[in-house]
PDB file of N, CA and C in Angstrom:
ATOM      1  N   MET A   1      48.860-132.990 -23.991  1.00  0.00           N
ATOM      2  CA  MET A   1      49.182-133.779 -22.821  1.00  0.00           C
ATOM      3  C   MET A   1      47.924-134.510 -22.333  1.00  0.00           C
ATOM      4  N   SER A   2      48.044-135.797 -22.083  1.00  0.00           N
ATOM      5  CA  SER A   2      46.880-136.591 -21.687  1.00  0.00           C
ATOM      6  C   SER A   2      46.607-136.455 -20.186  1.00  0.00           C
ATOM      7  N   GLU A   3      45.367-136.709 -19.863  1.00  0.00           N
ATOM      8  CA  GLU A   3      44.945-136.676 -18.457  1.00  0.00           C
ATOM      9  C   GLU A   3      45.594-137.823 -17.693  1.00  0.00           C
ATOM     10  N   PRO A   4      45.973-137.610 -16.439  1.00  0.00           N
ATOM     11  CA  PRO A   4      46.534-138.712 -15.654  1.00  0.00           C
ATOM     12  C   PRO A   4      45.470-139.784 -15.401  1.00  0.00           C
ATOM     13  N   GLU A   5      45.915-141.017 -15.262  1.00  0.00           N
ATOM     14  CA  GLU A   5      45.013-142.128 -14.954  1.00  0.00           C
ATOM     15  C   GLU A   5      45.213-142.537 -13.506  1.00  0.00           C
ATOM     16  N   PHE A   6      44.140-143.023 -12.900  1.00  0.00           N
ATOM     17  CA  PHE A   6      44.172-143.369 -11.488  1.00  0.00           C
ATOM     18  C   PHE A   6      43.599-144.754 -11.245  1.00  0.00           C
ATOM     19  N   GLU A   7      44.027-145.360 -10.178  1.00  0.00           N
ATOM     20  CA  GLU A   7      43.419-146.576  -9.626  1.00  0.00           C
ATOM     21  C   GLU A   7      42.887-146.223  -8.247  1.00  0.00           C
ATOM     22  N   MET A   8      41.806-146.866  -7.861  1.00  0.00           N
ATOM     23  CA  MET A   8      41.290-146.678  -6.513  1.00  0.00           C
ATOM     24  C   MET A   8      41.729-147.863  -5.668  1.00  0.00           C
ATOM     25  N   HIS A   9      42.409-147.578  -4.590  1.00  0.00           N
ATOM     26  CA  HIS A   9      42.856-148.613  -3.660  1.00  0.00           C
ATOM     27  C   HIS A   9      42.015-148.520  -2.392  1.00  0.00           C
ATOM     28  N   ILE A  10      41.386-149.631  -2.046  1.00  0.00           N
ATOM     29  CA  ILE A  10      40.538-149.717  -0.859  1.00  0.00           C
ATOM     30  C   ILE A  10      41.198-150.713   0.082  1.00  0.00           C
ATOM     31  N   ARG A  11      41.529-150.254   1.299  1.00  0.00           N
ATOM     32  CA  ARG A  11      42.290-151.098   2.221  1.00  0.00           C
ATOM     33  C   ARG A  11      41.529-151.308   3.516  1.00  0.00           C
ATOM     34  N   LEU A  12      41.349-152.596   3.854  1.00  0.00           N
ATOM     35  CA  LEU A  12      40.817-152.972   5.151  1.00  0.00           C
ATOM     36  C   LEU A  12      41.998-153.299   6.062  1.00  0.00           C
ATOM     37  N   SER A  13      41.864-152.985   7.331  1.00  0.00           N
ATOM     38  CA  SER A  13      42.916-153.302   8.292  1.00  0.00           C
ATOM     39  C   SER A  13      42.995-154.814   8.501  1.00  0.00           C
ATOM     40  N   ARG A  14      44.018-155.255   9.172  1.00  0.00           N
ATOM     41  CA  ARG A  14      44.139-156.683   9.498  1.00  0.00           C
ATOM     42  C   ARG A  14      42.963-157.139  10.342  1.00  0.00           C
ATOM     43  N   GLU A  15      42.563-156.307  11.298  1.00  0.00           N
ATOM     44  CA  GLU A  15      41.437-156.662  12.175  1.00  0.00           C
ATOM     45  C   GLU A  15      40.135-156.758  11.382  1.00  0.00           C
ATOM     46  N   GLN A  16      39.917-155.811  10.473  1.00  0.00           N
ATOM     47  CA  GLN A  16      38.713-155.845   9.639  1.00  0.00           C
ATOM     48  C   GLN A  16      38.712-157.075   8.741  1.00  0.00           C
ATOM     49  N   THR A  17      39.869-157.400   8.179  1.00  0.00           N
ATOM     50  CA  THR A  17      39.986-158.567   7.307  1.00  0.00           C
ATOM     51  C   THR A  17      39.694-159.843   8.079  1.00  0.00           C
ATOM     52  N   LYS A  18      40.233-159.961   9.284  1.00  0.00           N
ATOM     53  CA  LYS A  18      39.971-161.145  10.113  1.00  0.00           C
ATOM     54  C   LYS A  18      38.487-161.245  10.450  1.00  0.00           C
ATOM     55  N   CYS A  19      37.903-160.123  10.818  1.00  0.00           N
ATOM     56  CA  CYS A  19      36.473-160.103  11.160  1.00  0.00           C
ATOM     57  C   CYS A  19      35.629-160.539   9.955  1.00  0.00           C
ATOM     58  N   LEU A  20      35.966-160.038   8.770  1.00  0.00           N
ATOM     59  CA  LEU A  20      35.243-160.399   7.547  1.00  0.00           C
ATOM     60  C   LEU A  20      35.392-161.884   7.240  1.00  0.00           C
ATOM     61  N   ARG A  21      36.607-162.391   7.345  1.00  0.00           N
ATOM     62  CA  ARG A  21      36.841-163.821   7.063  1.00  0.00           C
ATOM     63  C   ARG A  21      36.091-164.707   8.061  1.00  0.00           C
ATOM     64  N   ASP A  22      36.106-164.343   9.336  1.00  0.00           N
ATOM     65  CA  ASP A  22      35.385-165.122  10.350  1.00  0.00           C
ATOM     66  C   ASP A  22      33.885-165.109  10.075  1.00  0.00           C
ATOM     67  N   TRP A  23      33.348-163.933   9.777  1.00  0.00           N
ATOM     68  CA  TRP A  23      31.917-163.784   9.495  1.00  0.00           C
ATOM     69  C   TRP A  23      31.516-164.612   8.274  1.00  0.00           C
ATOM     70  N   ALA A  24      32.280-164.480   7.181  1.00  0.00           N
ATOM     71  CA  ALA A  24      31.978-165.227   5.954  1.00  0.00           C
ATOM     72  C   ALA A  24      32.143-166.731   6.174  1.00  0.00           C
ATOM     73  N   GLY A  25      33.146-167.128   6.965  1.00  0.00           N
ATOM     74  CA  GLY A  25      33.356-168.544   7.265  1.00  0.00           C
ATOM     75  C   GLY A  25      32.197-169.155   8.026  1.00  0.00           C
ATOM     76  N   THR A  26      31.643-168.400   8.959  1.00  0.00           N
ATOM     77  CA  THR A  26      30.484-168.876   9.723  1.00  0.00           C
ATOM     78  C   THR A  26      29.280-169.089   8.817  1.00  0.00           C
ATOM     79  N   ILE A  27      29.061-168.149   7.902  1.00  0.00           N
ATOM     80  CA  ILE A  27      27.942-168.272   6.958  1.00  0.00           C
ATOM     81  C   ILE A  27      28.160-169.481   6.045  1.00  0.00           C
ATOM     82  N   ALA A  28      29.375-169.622   5.516  1.00  0.00           N
ATOM     83  CA  ALA A  28      29.677-170.751   4.626  1.00  0.00           C
ATOM     84  C   ALA A  28      29.513-172.078   5.358  1.00  0.00           C
ATOM     85  N   ALA A  29      29.997-172.160   6.595  1.00  0.00           N
ATOM     86  CA  ALA A  29      29.889-173.405   7.365  1.00  0.00           C
ATOM     87  C   ALA A  29      28.427-173.778   7.587  1.00  0.00           C
ATOM     88  N   ALA A  30      27.584-172.803   7.892  1.00  0.00           N
ATOM     89  CA  ALA A  30      26.160-173.080   8.109  1.00  0.00           C
ATOM     90  C   ALA A  30      25.507-173.605   6.836  1.00  0.00           C
ATOM     91  N   HIS A  31      25.889-173.067   5.696  1.00  0.00           N
ATOM     92  CA  HIS A  31      25.323-173.536   4.434  1.00  0.00           C
ATOM     93  C   HIS A  31      25.822-174.942   4.082  1.00  0.00           C
ATOM     94  N   PHE A  32      27.108-175.202   4.290  1.00  0.00           N
ATOM     95  CA  PHE A  32      27.627-176.554   4.051  1.00  0.00           C
ATOM     96  C   PHE A  32      26.934-177.563   4.948  1.00  0.00           C
ATOM     97  N   GLU A  33      26.732-177.195   6.207  1.00  0.00           N
ATOM     98  CA  GLU A  33      26.072-178.078   7.184  1.00  0.00           C
ATOM     99  C   GLU A  33      24.647-178.410   6.735  1.00  0.00           C
ATOM    100  N   ALA A  34      23.995-177.432   6.098  1.00  0.00           N
ATOM    101  CA  ALA A  34      22.630-177.636   5.601  1.00  0.00           C
ATOM    102  C   ALA A  34      22.618-178.216   4.184  1.00  0.00           C
ATOM    103  N   ASP A  35      23.788-178.643   3.703  1.00  0.00           N
ATOM    104  CA  ASP A  35      23.941-179.212   2.366  1.00  0.00           C
ATOM    105  C   ASP A  35      23.494-178.237   1.275  1.00  0.00           C
ATOM    106  N   CYS A  36      23.843-176.952   1.481  1.00  0.00           N
ATOM    107  CA  CYS A  36      23.534-175.899   0.514  1.00  0.00           C
ATOM    108  C   CYS A  36      24.835-175.241   0.063  1.00  0.00           C
ATOM    109  N   GLU A  37      24.786-174.657  -1.100  1.00  0.00           N
ATOM    110  CA  GLU A  37      25.953-173.928  -1.591  1.00  0.00           C
ATOM    111  C   GLU A  37      26.050-172.580  -0.878  1.00  0.00           C
ATOM    112  N   PRO A  38      27.242-172.183  -0.403  1.00  0.00           N
ATOM    113  CA  PRO A  38      27.387-170.893   0.274  1.00  0.00           C
ATOM    114  C   PRO A  38      27.072-169.732  -0.666  1.00  0.00           C
ATOM    115  N   PRO A  39      26.450-168.669  -0.144  1.00  0.00           N
ATOM    116  CA  PRO A  39      25.997-167.579  -0.994  1.00  0.00           C
ATOM    117  C   PRO A  39      27.054-166.559  -1.382  1.00  0.00           C
ATOM    118  N   GLY A  40      28.188-166.518  -0.704  1.00  0.00           N
ATOM    119  CA  GLY A  40      29.150-165.448  -0.939  1.00  0.00           C
ATOM    120  C   GLY A  40      28.665-164.169  -0.276  1.00  0.00           C
ATOM    121  N   TYR A  41      29.339-163.066  -0.566  1.00  0.00           N
ATOM    122  CA  TYR A  41      28.949-161.796   0.040  1.00  0.00           C
ATOM    123  C   TYR A  41      29.329-160.640  -0.873  1.00  0.00           C
ATOM    124  N   CYS A  42      28.760-159.483  -0.569  1.00  0.00           N
ATOM    125  CA  CYS A  42      29.007-158.253  -1.305  1.00  0.00           C
ATOM    126  C   CYS A  42      29.638-157.251  -0.335  1.00  0.00           C
ATOM    127  N   LEU A  43      30.623-156.487  -0.794  1.00  0.00           N
ATOM    128  CA  LEU A  43      31.173-155.400   0.006  1.00  0.00           C
ATOM    129  C   LEU A  43      30.603-154.090  -0.528  1.00  0.00           C
ATOM    130  N   GLN A  44      29.970-153.327   0.348  1.00  0.00           N
ATOM    131  CA  GLN A  44      29.402-152.036  -0.042  1.00  0.00           C
ATOM    132  C   GLN A  44      30.262-150.938   0.575  1.00  0.00           C
ATOM    133  N   VAL A  45      30.918-150.170  -0.278  1.00  0.00           N
ATOM    134  CA  VAL A  45      31.801-149.092   0.157  1.00  0.00           C
ATOM    135  C   VAL A  45      31.063-147.770   0.003  1.00  0.00           C
ATOM    136  N   SER A  46      31.077-146.951   1.061  1.00  0.00           N
ATOM    137  CA  SER A  46      30.481-145.621   1.021  1.00  0.00           C
ATOM    138  C   SER A  46      31.586-144.598   1.217  1.00  0.00           C
ATOM    139  N   THR A  47      31.615-143.606   0.345  1.00  0.00           N
ATOM    140  CA  THR A  47      32.636-142.574   0.452  1.00  0.00           C
ATOM    141  C   THR A  47      32.061-141.249  -0.024  1.00  0.00           C
ATOM    142  N   GLY A  48      32.576-140.176   0.509  1.00  0.00           N
ATOM    143  CA  GLY A  48      32.113-138.852   0.110  1.00  0.00           C
ATOM    144  C   GLY A  48      32.776-137.787   0.956  1.00  0.00           C
ATOM    145  N   SER A  49      32.570-136.551   0.576  1.00  0.00           N
ATOM    146  CA  SER A  49      33.178-135.471   1.342  1.00  0.00           C
ATOM    147  C   SER A  49      32.405-135.251   2.639  1.00  0.00           C
ATOM    148  N   GLY A  50      33.147-134.934   3.673  1.00  0.00           N
ATOM    149  CA  GLY A  50      32.501-134.613   4.944  1.00  0.00           C
ATOM    150  C   GLY A  50      32.365-135.767   5.913  1.00  0.00           C
ATOM    151  N   TYR A  51      32.622-136.989   5.461  1.00  0.00           N
ATOM    152  CA  TYR A  51      32.585-138.126   6.376  1.00  0.00           C
ATOM    153  C   TYR A  51      33.573-139.173   5.900  1.00  0.00           C
ATOM    154  N   PRO A  52      34.066-140.017   6.831  1.00  0.00           N
ATOM    155  CA  PRO A  52      35.057-141.018   6.422  1.00  0.00           C
ATOM    156  C   PRO A  52      34.433-142.109   5.555  1.00  0.00           C
ATOM    157  N   SER A  53      35.259-142.721   4.740  1.00  0.00           N
ATOM    158  CA  SER A  53      34.814-143.860   3.935  1.00  0.00           C
ATOM    159  C   SER A  53      34.589-145.046   4.863  1.00  0.00           C
ATOM    160  N   CYS A  54      33.583-145.852   4.555  1.00  0.00           N
ATOM    161  CA  CYS A  54      33.287-147.018   5.384  1.00  0.00           C
ATOM    162  C   CYS A  54      32.849-148.165   4.480  1.00  0.00           C
ATOM    163  N   VAL A  55      32.803-149.370   5.069  1.00  0.00           N
ATOM    164  CA  VAL A  55      32.430-150.546   4.294  1.00  0.00           C
ATOM    165  C   VAL A  55      31.523-151.444   5.136  1.00  0.00           C
ATOM    166  N   GLU A  56      30.609-152.110   4.437  1.00  0.00           N
ATOM    167  CA  GLU A  56      29.701-153.066   5.057  1.00  0.00           C
ATOM    168  C   GLU A  56      29.673-154.311   4.173  1.00  0.00           C
ATOM    169  N   ALA A  57      29.724-155.482   4.799  1.00  0.00           N
ATOM    170  CA  ALA A  57      29.595-156.743   4.072  1.00  0.00           C
ATOM    171  C   ALA A  57      28.142-157.198   4.170  1.00  0.00           C
ATOM    172  N   ILE A  58      27.614-157.736   3.058  1.00  0.00           N
ATOM    173  CA  ILE A  58      26.210-158.155   2.999  1.00  0.00           C
ATOM    174  C   ILE A  58      26.141-159.544   2.386  1.00  0.00           C
ATOM    175  N   SER A  59      25.447-160.449   3.071  1.00  0.00           N
ATOM    176  CA  SER A  59      25.190-161.785   2.554  1.00  0.00           C
ATOM    177  C   SER A  59      23.750-162.134   2.893  1.00  0.00           C
ATOM    178  N   GLY A  60      22.885-162.101   1.891  1.00  0.00           N
ATOM    179  CA  GLY A  60      21.466-162.332   2.145  1.00  0.00           C
ATOM    180  C   GLY A  60      20.940-161.249   3.070  1.00  0.00           C
ATOM    181  N   SER A  61      20.352-161.647   4.188  1.00  0.00           N
ATOM    182  CA  SER A  61      19.837-160.675   5.157  1.00  0.00           C
ATOM    183  C   SER A  61      20.846-160.367   6.262  1.00  0.00           C
ATOM    184  N   SER A  62      22.016-160.979   6.201  1.00  0.00           N
ATOM    185  CA  SER A  62      23.052-160.755   7.204  1.00  0.00           C
ATOM    186  C   SER A  62      23.968-159.614   6.772  1.00  0.00           C
ATOM    187  N   ARG A  63      24.251-158.711   7.710  1.00  0.00           N
ATOM    188  CA  ARG A  63      25.109-157.562   7.424  1.00  0.00           C
ATOM    189  C   ARG A  63      26.189-157.446   8.483  1.00  0.00           C
ATOM    190  N   LEU A  64      27.363-156.997   8.058  1.00  0.00           N
ATOM    191  CA  LEU A  64      28.492-156.805   8.969  1.00  0.00           C
ATOM    192  C   LEU A  64      29.101-155.434   8.697  1.00  0.00           C
ATOM    193  N   ASP A  65      29.003-154.529   9.670  1.00  0.00           N
ATOM    194  CA  ASP A  65      29.593-153.200   9.551  1.00  0.00           C
ATOM    195  C   ASP A  65      31.070-153.304   9.914  1.00  0.00           C
ATOM    196  N   LEU A  66      31.942-153.018   8.960  1.00  0.00           N
ATOM    197  CA  LEU A  66      33.377-153.102   9.192  1.00  0.00           C
ATOM    198  C   LEU A  66      33.997-151.760   9.559  1.00  0.00           C
ATOM    199  N   GLY A  67      33.217-150.707   9.544  1.00  0.00           N
ATOM    200  CA  GLY A  67      33.699-149.404   9.990  1.00  0.00           C
ATOM    201  C   GLY A  67      34.472-148.637   8.932  1.00  0.00           C
ATOM    202  N   ASP A  68      35.270-147.683   9.419  1.00  0.00           N
ATOM    203  CA  ASP A  68      36.027-146.794   8.545  1.00  0.00           C
ATOM    204  C   ASP A  68      37.144-147.548   7.831  1.00  0.00           C
ATOM    205  N   ILE A  69      37.393-147.142   6.585  1.00  0.00           N
ATOM    206  CA  ILE A  69      38.453-147.755   5.767  1.00  0.00           C
ATOM    207  C   ILE A  69      39.266-146.668   5.085  1.00  0.00           C
ATOM    208  N   ASP A  70      40.416-147.058   4.554  1.00  0.00           N
ATOM    209  CA  ASP A  70      41.238-146.152   3.753  1.00  0.00           C
ATOM    210  C   ASP A  70      40.886-146.325   2.282  1.00  0.00           C
ATOM    211  N   VAL A  71      40.553-145.220   1.622  1.00  0.00           N
ATOM    212  CA  VAL A  71      40.297-145.206   0.181  1.00  0.00           C
ATOM    213  C   VAL A  71      41.242-144.172  -0.415  1.00  0.00           C
ATOM    214  N   MET A  72      42.075-144.612  -1.350  1.00  0.00           N
ATOM    215  CA  MET A  72      43.076-143.722  -1.941  1.00  0.00           C
ATOM    216  C   MET A  72      42.988-143.775  -3.461  1.00  0.00           C
ATOM    217  N   LEU A  73      43.129-142.621  -4.101  1.00  0.00           N
ATOM    218  CA  LEU A  73      43.313-142.571  -5.548  1.00  0.00           C
ATOM    219  C   LEU A  73      44.804-142.485  -5.804  1.00  0.00           C
ATOM    220  N   VAL A  74      45.308-143.440  -6.583  1.00  0.00           N
ATOM    221  CA  VAL A  74      46.736-143.540  -6.845  1.00  0.00           C
ATOM    222  C   VAL A  74      46.955-143.345  -8.339  1.00  0.00           C
ATOM    223  N   GLU A  75      47.778-142.368  -8.682  1.00  0.00           N
ATOM    224  CA  GLU A  75      48.079-142.121 -10.091  1.00  0.00           C
ATOM    225  C   GLU A  75      48.951-143.247 -10.632  1.00  0.00           C
ATOM    226  N   VAL A  76      48.608-143.733 -11.826  1.00  0.00           N
ATOM    227  CA  VAL A  76      49.358-144.817 -12.458  1.00  0.00           C
ATOM    228  C   VAL A  76      49.977-144.310 -13.746  1.00  0.00           C
ATOM    229  N   ASP A  77      51.046-144.971 -14.163  1.00  0.00           N
ATOM    230  CA  ASP A  77      51.745-144.584 -15.392  1.00  0.00           C
ATOM    231  C   ASP A  77      51.006-145.045 -16.618  1.00  0.00           C
TER     232      ASP A  77
END
């Protein structure tokens, strides 16, 4: 019998998603205004036993703490 396979699902709330989009939009607009290409961003997810999972967005030296998130392991067929 083979081992079950899993996917990791990471979910941001509607409020977190809006906050992320607004933050990234502001950064992109500033770069367009300066005639530069927008840098994009990285999402850093932290998870472990004993504390809730959380996420932070990073773009250059700018950081946005999005707080606690849902991280689930879902068994797939």
